[in-house]
C-alpha atoms as a PDB file:
ATOM      1  CA  MET A   1       8.625   0.029  11.576  1.00  0.00           C
ATOM      2  CA  ARG A   2       9.109   2.297   8.656  1.00  0.00           C
ATOM      3  CA  SER A   3       8.605  -0.621   6.352  1.00  0.00           C
ATOM      4  CA  LEU A   4       4.986  -0.922   7.390  1.00  0.00           C
ATOM      5  CA  ALA A   5       4.116   1.567   4.720  1.00  0.00           C
ATOM      6  CA  VAL A   6       4.388  -1.197   2.123  1.00  0.00           C
ATOM      7  CA  LEU A   7       0.826  -2.405   2.052  1.00  0.00           C
ATOM      8  CA  ALA A   8      -0.760   0.990   2.125  1.00  0.00           C
ATOM      9  CA  LEU A   9       0.678   1.935  -1.224  1.00  0.00           C
ATOM     10  CA  MET A  10      -0.511  -1.182  -2.971  1.00  0.00           C
ATOM     11  CA  PHE A  11      -1.660   0.445  -6.239  1.00  0.00           C
ATOM     12  CA  ALA A  12       1.464   2.424  -7.206  1.00  0.00           C
ATOM     13  CA  ALA A  13       2.992   2.137 -10.639  1.00  0.00           C
ATOM     14  CA  LEU A  14       4.674   5.510 -10.913  1.00  0.00           C
ATOM     15  CA  ALA A  15       7.397   6.865  -8.667  1.00  0.00           C
ATOM     16  CA  THR A  16       5.957   9.097  -5.967  1.00  0.00           C
ATOM     17  CA  VAL A  17       6.714  10.421  -2.521  1.00  0.00           C
ATOM     18  CA  GLY A  18       4.240  10.185   0.366  1.00  0.00           C
ATOM     19  CA  ARG A  19       4.060  11.589   3.873  1.00  0.00           C
ATOM     20  CA  ALA A  20       1.537  10.759   6.579  1.00  0.00           C
ATOM     21  CA  GLN A  21      -1.065  13.234   7.778  1.00  0.00           C
ATOM     22  CA  ALA A  22      -1.436  14.739  11.272  1.00  0.00           C
ATOM     23  CA  LEU A  23      -3.199  12.226  13.562  1.00  0.00           C
ATOM     24  CA  PRO A  24      -3.558  11.458  17.277  1.00  0.00           C
ATOM     25  CA  ASP A  25      -0.500  10.222  19.193  1.00  0.00           C
ATOM     26  CA  LYS A  26      -1.863   6.654  19.371  1.00  0.00           C
ATOM     27  CA  ILE A  27      -4.193   4.482  17.268  1.00  0.00           C
ATOM     28  CA  ARG A  28      -5.388   1.145  18.715  1.00  0.00           C
ATOM     29  CA  GLY A  29      -2.653   1.391  21.336  1.00  0.00           C
ATOM     30  CA  TYR A  30       0.153   1.804  18.765  1.00  0.00           C
ATOM     31  CA  LYS A  31       2.244   4.985  18.767  1.00  0.00           C
ATOM     32  CA  VAL A  32       1.910   6.919  15.474  1.00  0.00           C
ATOM     33  CA  GLU A  33       5.126   7.409  13.480  1.00  0.00           C
ATOM     34  CA  ASN A  34       5.485   9.289  10.198  1.00  0.00           C
ATOM     35  CA  VAL A  35       8.016   8.110   7.592  1.00  0.00           C
ATOM     36  CA  ALA A  36       9.464   9.188   4.247  1.00  0.00           C
ATOM     37  CA  LEU A  37       8.989   6.627   1.480  1.00  0.00           C
ATOM     38  CA  LYS A  38       9.367   6.101  -2.245  1.00  0.00           C
ATOM     39  CA  VAL A  39       7.007   3.965  -4.313  1.00  0.00           C
ATOM     40  CA  SER A  40       7.970   2.750  -7.765  1.00  0.00           C
ATOM     41  CA  ASN A  41       6.898   0.290 -10.419  1.00  0.00           C
ATOM     42  CA  SER A  42      10.356  -1.260 -10.188  1.00  0.00           C
ATOM     43  CA  ILE A  43      13.320  -1.582  -7.856  1.00  0.00           C
ATOM     44  CA  PRO A  44      16.083  -2.998 -10.074  1.00  0.00           C
ATOM     45  CA  GLU A  45      18.410  -5.590  -8.546  1.00  0.00           C
ATOM     46  CA  GLY A  46      21.591  -3.949  -7.283  1.00  0.00           C
ATOM     47  CA  THR A  47      19.893  -0.596  -6.587  1.00  0.00           C
ATOM     48  CA  LYS A  48      21.828   1.531  -4.090  1.00  0.00           C
ATOM     49  CA  PHE A  49      19.349   2.936  -1.589  1.00  0.00           C
ATOM     50  CA  SER A  50      19.892   6.395  -0.135  1.00  0.00           C
ATOM     51  CA  ASP A  51      18.994   7.594   3.344  1.00  0.00           C
ATOM     52  CA  ASP A  52      16.586  10.129   1.785  1.00  0.00           C
ATOM     53  CA  PHE A  53      13.812   7.561   2.228  1.00  0.00           C
ATOM     54  CA  ASP A  54      13.113   5.120   5.056  1.00  0.00           C
ATOM     55  CA  LEU A  55      11.346   2.692   2.745  1.00  0.00           C
ATOM     56  CA  TYR A  56      11.319   1.718  -0.924  1.00  0.00           C
ATOM     57  CA  ILE A  57       8.270  -0.098  -2.312  1.00  0.00           C
ATOM     58  CA  GLN A  58       7.726  -1.920  -5.612  1.00  0.00           C
ATOM     59  CA  LEU A  59       4.144  -2.939  -6.305  1.00  0.00           C
ATOM     60  CA  THR A  60       3.062  -5.683  -8.683  1.00  0.00           C
ATOM     61  CA  LYS A  61       0.727  -5.165 -11.596  1.00  0.00           C
ATOM     62  CA  PRO A  62      -2.884  -5.200 -10.326  1.00  0.00           C
ATOM     63  CA  LYS A  63      -4.910  -8.268 -11.318  1.00  0.00           C
ATOM     64  CA  ILE A  64      -8.653  -7.801 -11.765  1.00  0.00           C
ATOM     65  CA  SER A  65     -11.055 -10.703 -11.303  1.00  0.00           C
ATOM     66  CA  MET A  66     -14.790 -11.182 -10.940  1.00  0.00           C
ATOM     67  CA  SER A  67     -15.648 -12.405  -7.448  1.00  0.00           C
ATOM     68  CA  GLY A  68     -19.314 -12.978  -8.233  1.00  0.00           C
ATOM     69  CA  LEU A  69     -22.063 -11.703 -10.491  1.00  0.00           C
ATOM     70  CA  LEU A  70     -22.320  -8.460  -8.575  1.00  0.00           C
ATOM     71  CA  SER A  71     -18.731  -7.637  -7.642  1.00  0.00           C
ATOM     72  CA  ALA A  72     -15.108  -7.540  -8.771  1.00  0.00           C
ATOM     73  CA  SER A  73     -11.783  -7.607  -6.955  1.00  0.00           C
ATOM     74  CA  ILE A  74      -8.280  -6.260  -7.536  1.00  0.00           C
ATOM     75  CA  ASN A  75      -5.227  -8.113  -6.160  1.00  0.00           C
ATOM     76  CA  VAL A  76      -1.877  -6.351  -5.713  1.00  0.00           C
ATOM     77  CA  GLY A  77       1.374  -7.630  -4.216  1.00  0.00           C
ATOM     78  CA  ALA A  78       4.480  -5.693  -3.178  1.00  0.00           C
ATOM     79  CA  ASP A  79       8.216  -5.939  -2.497  1.00  0.00           C
ATOM     80  CA  ILE A  80       9.811  -3.651   0.093  1.00  0.00           C
ATOM     81  CA  VAL A  81      13.257  -2.583   1.203  1.00  0.00           C
ATOM     82  CA  SER A  82      13.661  -0.818   4.572  1.00  0.00           C
ATOM     83  CA  THR A  83      16.775   1.350   4.851  1.00  0.00           C
ATOM     84  CA  LYS A  84      16.477   2.090   8.574  1.00  0.00           C
ATOM     85  CA  GLN A  85      15.330  -0.950  10.567  1.00  0.00           C
ATOM     86  CA  SER A  86      14.003  -4.500  10.798  1.00  0.00           C
ATOM     87  CA  GLY A  87      10.700  -5.677  12.238  1.00  0.00           C
ATOM     88  CA  GLU A  88       7.368  -7.385  11.694  1.00  0.00           C
ATOM     89  CA  ILE A  89       4.135  -6.056  10.203  1.00  0.00           C
ATOM     90  CA  ALA A  90       1.181  -7.284  12.285  1.00  0.00           C
ATOM     91  CA  PHE A  91      -1.728  -5.960  10.192  1.00  0.00           C
ATOM     92  CA  VAL A  92      -2.809  -3.118   7.895  1.00  0.00           C
ATOM     93  CA  SER A  93      -6.154  -1.326   7.834  1.00  0.00           C
ATOM     94  CA  PHE A  94      -7.400   0.881   4.991  1.00  0.00           C
ATOM     95  CA  HIS A  95      -9.687   3.922   5.082  1.00  0.00           C
ATOM     96  CA  ASP A  96     -11.605   5.672   2.281  1.00  0.00           C
ATOM     97  CA  VAL A  97      -9.713   4.039  -0.616  1.00  0.00           C
ATOM     98  CA  ARG A  98     -10.998   5.175  -4.009  1.00  0.00           C
ATOM     99  CA  VAL A  99     -10.017   4.440  -7.597  1.00  0.00           C
ATOM    100  CA  ASN A 100     -11.057   7.252  -9.968  1.00  0.00           C
ATOM    101  CA  GLY A 101     -13.474   8.422  -7.265  1.00  0.00           C
ATOM    102  CA  ILE A 102     -15.152   5.003  -6.890  1.00  0.00           C
ATOM    103  CA  ALA A 103     -15.065   3.561  -3.351  1.00  0.00           C
ATOM    104  CA  MET A 104     -13.192   0.284  -2.827  1.00  0.00           C
ATOM    105  CA  GLU A 105     -13.654  -2.029   0.156  1.00  0.00           C
ATOM    106  CA  ILE A 106     -10.434  -3.444   1.564  1.00  0.00           C
ATOM    107  CA  ASP A 107     -10.546  -5.781   4.554  1.00  0.00           C
ATOM    108  CA  GLU A 108      -7.760  -5.586   7.112  1.00  0.00           C
ATOM    109  CA  TYR A 109      -4.639  -7.307   5.831  1.00  0.00           C
ATOM    110  CA  THR A 110      -3.807  -9.705   8.674  1.00  0.00           C
ATOM    111  CA  VAL A 111      -0.982 -11.805   7.206  1.00  0.00           C
ATOM    112  CA  PRO A 112       2.128 -11.116   9.343  1.00  0.00           C
ATOM    113  CA  MET A 113       5.339 -10.266   7.509  1.00  0.00           C
ATOM    114  CA  LYS A 114       8.909 -10.045   8.807  1.00  0.00           C
ATOM    115  CA  PHE A 115      11.501  -7.850   7.134  1.00  0.00           C
ATOM    116  CA  LYS A 116      15.184  -7.049   7.635  1.00  0.00           C
ATOM    117  CA  LYS A 117      17.044  -3.809   7.100  1.00  0.00           C
ATOM    118  CA  GLY A 118      18.459  -3.557   3.574  1.00  0.00           C
ATOM    119  CA  ILE A 119      16.936  -6.852   2.348  1.00  0.00           C
ATOM    120  CA  ARG A 120      14.104  -7.098  -0.185  1.00  0.00           C
ATOM    121  CA  SER A 121      10.965  -8.722   1.279  1.00  0.00           C
ATOM    122  CA  SER A 122       7.734  -9.719  -0.498  1.00  0.00           C
ATOM    123  CA  LEU A 123       4.185  -9.760   0.827  1.00  0.00           C
ATOM    124  CA  PRO A 124       3.180 -13.362   1.637  1.00  0.00           C
ATOM    125  CA  LYS A 125      -0.235 -12.802  -0.031  1.00  0.00           C
ATOM    126  CA  PRO A 126      -1.566 -10.005  -2.225  1.00  0.00           C
ATOM    127  CA  VAL A 127      -3.843  -7.305  -0.836  1.00  0.00           C
ATOM    128  CA  THR A 128      -7.410  -7.639  -2.164  1.00  0.00           C
ATOM    129  CA  ALA A 129      -9.654  -4.650  -2.866  1.00  0.00           C
ATOM    130  CA  LYS A 130     -13.338  -5.360  -3.541  1.00  0.00           C
ATOM    131  CA  LEU A 131     -15.773  -3.414  -5.655  1.00  0.00           C
ATOM    132  CA  ASN A 132     -19.520  -3.888  -5.089  1.00  0.00           C
ATOM    133  CA  PHE A 133     -22.135  -3.987  -7.870  1.00  0.00           C
ATOM    134  CA  VAL A 134     -22.908  -0.249  -7.851  1.00  0.00           C
ATOM    135  CA  GLY A 135     -19.214   0.644  -7.885  1.00  0.00           C
ATOM    136  CA  ALA A 136     -18.506  -1.934 -10.600  1.00  0.00           C
ATOM    137  CA  ALA A 137     -21.334  -0.520 -12.729  1.00  0.00           C
ATOM    138  CA  ARG A 138     -20.040   3.046 -12.259  1.00  0.00           C
ATOM    139  CA  GLY A 139     -16.490   1.924 -13.057  1.00  0.00           C
ATOM    140  CA  ALA A 140     -17.579   0.043 -16.192  1.00  0.00           C
ATOM    141  CA  PHE A 141     -19.576   3.061 -17.394  1.00  0.00           C
ATOM    142  CA  LYS A 142     -16.615   5.399 -16.801  1.00  0.00           C
ATOM    143  CA  GLU A 143     -14.279   2.980 -18.578  1.00  0.00           C
ATOM    144  CA  LEU A 144     -16.611   2.738 -21.598  1.00  0.00           C
ATOM    145  CA  THR A 145     -17.261   6.481 -21.870  1.00  0.00           C
ATOM    146  CA  ASP A 146     -13.938   7.941 -20.705  1.00  0.00           C
ATOM    147  CA  SER A 147     -11.202   5.293 -20.633  1.00  0.00           C
ATOM    148  CA  ARG A 148      -7.876   6.550 -19.291  1.00  0.00           C
ATOM    149  CA  ASN A 149      -4.322   5.202 -19.465  1.00  0.00           C
ATOM    150  CA  GLN A 150      -3.868   5.964 -15.756  1.00  0.00           C
ATOM    151  CA  TRP A 151      -6.184   5.713 -12.752  1.00  0.00           C
ATOM    152  CA  ARG A 152      -6.007   7.947  -9.651  1.00  0.00           C
ATOM    153  CA  VAL A 153      -5.895   6.016  -6.369  1.00  0.00           C
ATOM    154  CA  THR A 154      -6.565   7.867  -3.086  1.00  0.00           C
ATOM    155  CA  GLY A 155      -7.119   6.903   0.553  1.00  0.00           C
ATOM    156  CA  THR A 156      -5.254   6.161   3.775  1.00  0.00           C
ATOM    157  CA  ALA A 157      -3.599   2.994   5.044  1.00  0.00           C
ATOM    158  CA  PHE A 158      -2.587   2.348   8.645  1.00  0.00           C
ATOM    159  CA  VAL A 159       0.288  -0.141   8.943  1.00  0.00           C
ATOM    160  CA  PHE A 160       0.656  -1.684  12.440  1.00  0.00           C
ATOM    161  CA  GLY A 161       3.658  -3.632  13.714  1.00  0.00           C
ATOM    162  CA  GLN A 162       6.706  -4.087  15.935  1.00  0.00           C
ATOM    163  CA  PHE A 163      10.039  -2.717  14.814  1.00  0.00           C
ATOM    164  CA  LYS A 164      13.595  -3.156  15.989  1.00  0.00           C
ATOM    165  CA  LYS A 165      16.076  -0.338  16.317  1.00  0.00           C
ATOM    166  CA  PHE A 166      19.264  -0.279  18.414  1.00  0.00           C
ATOM    167  CA  GLY A 167      18.341  -3.699  19.845  1.00  0.00           C
ATOM    168  CA  PHE A 168      14.954  -2.523  21.154  1.00  0.00           C
ATOM    169  CA  SER A 169      11.494  -3.424  19.855  1.00  0.00           C
ATOM    170  CA  PHE A 170       8.854  -0.710  19.369  1.00  0.00           C
ATOM    171  CA  LYS A 171       5.100  -1.020  18.738  1.00  0.00           C
ATOM    172  CA  ARG A 172       4.152   1.540  16.030  1.00  0.00           C
ATOM    173  CA  VAL A 173       1.541   2.444  13.412  1.00  0.00           C
ATOM    174  CA  VAL A 174       2.518   4.215  10.197  1.00  0.00           C
ATOM    175  CA  PRO A 175      -0.332   6.212   8.609  1.00  0.00           C
ATOM    176  CA  ILE A 176       0.122   6.490   4.844  1.00  0.00           C
ATOM    177  CA  LYS A 177      -1.804   9.017   2.768  1.00  0.00           C
ATOM    178  CA  ILE A 178      -2.336   7.541  -0.701  1.00  0.00           C
ATOM    179  CA  ASP A 179      -2.666   9.837  -3.736  1.00  0.00           C
ATOM    180  CA  MET A 180      -1.092   8.425  -6.872  1.00  0.00           C
ATOM    181  CA  LEU A 181      -1.577   7.466 -10.497  1.00  0.00           C
ATOM    182  CA  VAL A 182      -1.384   3.829 -11.618  1.00  0.00           C
ATOM    183  CA  LYS A 183      -1.398   2.264 -15.058  1.00  0.00           C
ATOM    184  CA  ASN A 184      -4.864   1.099 -16.140  1.00  0.00           C
ATOM    185  CA  PRO A 185      -4.753  -2.722 -15.714  1.00  0.00           C
ATOM    186  CA  LEU A 186      -7.497  -3.150 -18.345  1.00  0.00           C
ATOM    187  CA  LEU A 187      -5.302  -1.823 -21.166  1.00  0.00           C
END
């Protein structure tokens, strides 16, 4: 359950701590659960995980590609380690995701993923964020006039799934507030 947070933090490259915001008790029939997590650009092999965080996430370097004459896309993968429980991520939805203030469109991530407590798991497919023509033009202009080593990524991800704890399975959604800096993939 707590490992659902993985996909939501797809753009991280610096270590950061995130907590979910106040929301209704249920979203799409899933009970809302807040978790403590740590996102990093690396989780070295042999790392000893503490109980301070329910979830550790390592995101891959973003890959930018043109998906047509009028749009671009960014693909990001992730590895996760859950310190509290095992389970299966059913899907992830994203809301108001922005990179340097420019809106990104991210379809629901619907590739199921199983994970086990204490074992590193990788996303089966990367998450894809799309940028339309207007956003791409704004981003290109900003990059030409004010290129930065780091980009600010903001938004919210809702990670839905079933999680096992004490032999029982629970249907939960983990809302993840995203506000982090990532290394500029164009440099």
